[in-house]
Amino acid sequence: MSIISRNFCFMAGTIFGVYVAQNYNVPNIYKLGNTAIFMAKITEEQYRKPKKNIDDDVV
């Protein structure tokens, strides 16, 4: 009985997902993730401490 109910839930979810993807404007999660990583890299580079130069220490 549990195998049938699991397969039914899987099939119902798949059909519902296809319906939503075809009829609504669903954002592309992969593209959204890449944009977030790109913005994080830019933010990190802006706020990163400057590298310490060895020649500056020698007086």
C-alpha atoms as a PDB file:
ATOM      1  CA  MET A   1       0.000   0.000   0.000  1.00  0.00           C
ATOM      2  CA  SER A   2       2.800   2.448   0.811  1.00  0.00           C
ATOM      3  CA  ILE A   3       4.451   1.905  -2.589  1.00  0.00           C
ATOM      4  CA  ILE A   4       1.254   2.908  -4.342  1.00  0.00           C
ATOM      5  CA  SER A   5       0.788   6.006  -2.198  1.00  0.00           C
ATOM      6  CA  ARG A   6       4.429   7.087  -2.719  1.00  0.00           C
ATOM      7  CA  ASN A   7       4.142   6.698  -6.467  1.00  0.00           C
ATOM      8  CA  PHE A   8       0.843   8.564  -6.463  1.00  0.00           C
ATOM      9  CA  CYS A   9       2.348  11.480  -4.534  1.00  0.00           C
ATOM     10  CA  PHE A  10       5.357  11.554  -6.869  1.00  0.00           C
ATOM     11  CA  MET A  11       3.184  11.515 -10.002  1.00  0.00           C
ATOM     12  CA  ALA A  12       0.795  14.136  -8.597  1.00  0.00           C
ATOM     13  CA  GLY A  13       3.718  16.409  -7.707  1.00  0.00           C
ATOM     14  CA  THR A  14       5.269  15.975 -11.140  1.00  0.00           C
ATOM     15  CA  ILE A  15       2.013  16.774 -12.921  1.00  0.00           C
ATOM     16  CA  PHE A  16       1.420  19.798 -10.687  1.00  0.00           C
ATOM     17  CA  GLY A  17       4.984  21.045 -11.304  1.00  0.00           C
ATOM     18  CA  VAL A  18       4.601  20.744 -15.067  1.00  0.00           C
ATOM     19  CA  TYR A  19       1.290  22.609 -14.932  1.00  0.00           C
ATOM     20  CA  VAL A  20       2.763  25.443 -12.868  1.00  0.00           C
ATOM     21  CA  ALA A  21       5.860  25.713 -15.079  1.00  0.00           C
ATOM     22  CA  GLN A  22       3.747  25.965 -18.221  1.00  0.00           C
ATOM     23  CA  ASN A  23       1.115  28.396 -16.969  1.00  0.00           C
ATOM     24  CA  TYR A  24       2.987  30.734 -14.614  1.00  0.00           C
ATOM     25  CA  ASN A  25       6.158  32.799 -14.778  1.00  0.00           C
ATOM     26  CA  VAL A  26       8.454  30.689 -12.587  1.00  0.00           C
ATOM     27  CA  PRO A  27      11.943  32.173 -11.973  1.00  0.00           C
ATOM     28  CA  ASN A  28      15.008  30.263 -13.098  1.00  0.00           C
ATOM     29  CA  ILE A  29      16.596  29.131  -9.811  1.00  0.00           C
ATOM     30  CA  TYR A  30      19.952  28.298 -11.421  1.00  0.00           C
ATOM     31  CA  LYS A  31      20.273  31.814 -12.870  1.00  0.00           C
ATOM     32  CA  LEU A  32      19.146  33.372  -9.577  1.00  0.00           C
ATOM     33  CA  GLY A  33      21.796  31.383  -7.670  1.00  0.00           C
ATOM     34  CA  ASN A  34      24.560  32.420 -10.055  1.00  0.00           C
ATOM     35  CA  THR A  35      23.545  36.059  -9.694  1.00  0.00           C
ATOM     36  CA  ALA A  36      23.660  35.789  -5.894  1.00  0.00           C
ATOM     37  CA  ILE A  37      27.147  34.242  -5.973  1.00  0.00           C
ATOM     38  CA  PHE A  38      28.357  36.956  -8.366  1.00  0.00           C
ATOM     39  CA  MET A  39      27.022  39.712  -6.102  1.00  0.00           C
ATOM     40  CA  ALA A  40      28.638  38.075  -3.060  1.00  0.00           C
ATOM     41  CA  LYS A  41      32.020  38.002  -4.831  1.00  0.00           C
ATOM     42  CA  ILE A  42      31.729  41.684  -5.744  1.00  0.00           C
ATOM     43  CA  THR A  43      30.803  42.606  -2.162  1.00  0.00           C
ATOM     44  CA  GLU A  44      33.704  40.580  -0.772  1.00  0.00           C
ATOM     45  CA  GLU A  45      36.199  42.257  -3.106  1.00  0.00           C
ATOM     46  CA  GLN A  46      34.952  45.723  -2.120  1.00  0.00           C
ATOM     47  CA  TYR A  47      35.223  45.157   1.642  1.00  0.00           C
ATOM     48  CA  ARG A  48      38.334  42.978   1.714  1.00  0.00           C
ATOM     49  CA  LYS A  49      41.299  44.287   3.700  1.00  0.00           C
ATOM     50  CA  PRO A  50      44.160  45.407   1.478  1.00  0.00           C
ATOM     51  CA  LYS A  51      47.056  42.975   1.252  1.00  0.00           C
ATOM     52  CA  LYS A  52      49.999  43.870   3.448  1.00  0.00           C
ATOM     53  CA  ASN A  53      53.078  44.699   1.400  1.00  0.00           C
ATOM     54  CA  ILE A  54      56.403  43.281   2.685  1.00  0.00           C
ATOM     55  CA  ASP A  55      58.329  46.354   1.461  1.00  0.00           C
ATOM     56  CA  ASP A  56      56.205  48.666   3.630  1.00  0.00           C
ATOM     57  CA  ASP A  57      57.393  46.989   6.831  1.00  0.00           C
ATOM     58  CA  VAL A  58      61.080  47.598   6.148  1.00  0.00           C
ATOM     59  CA  VAL A  59      62.093  51.148   7.126  1.00  0.00           C
END
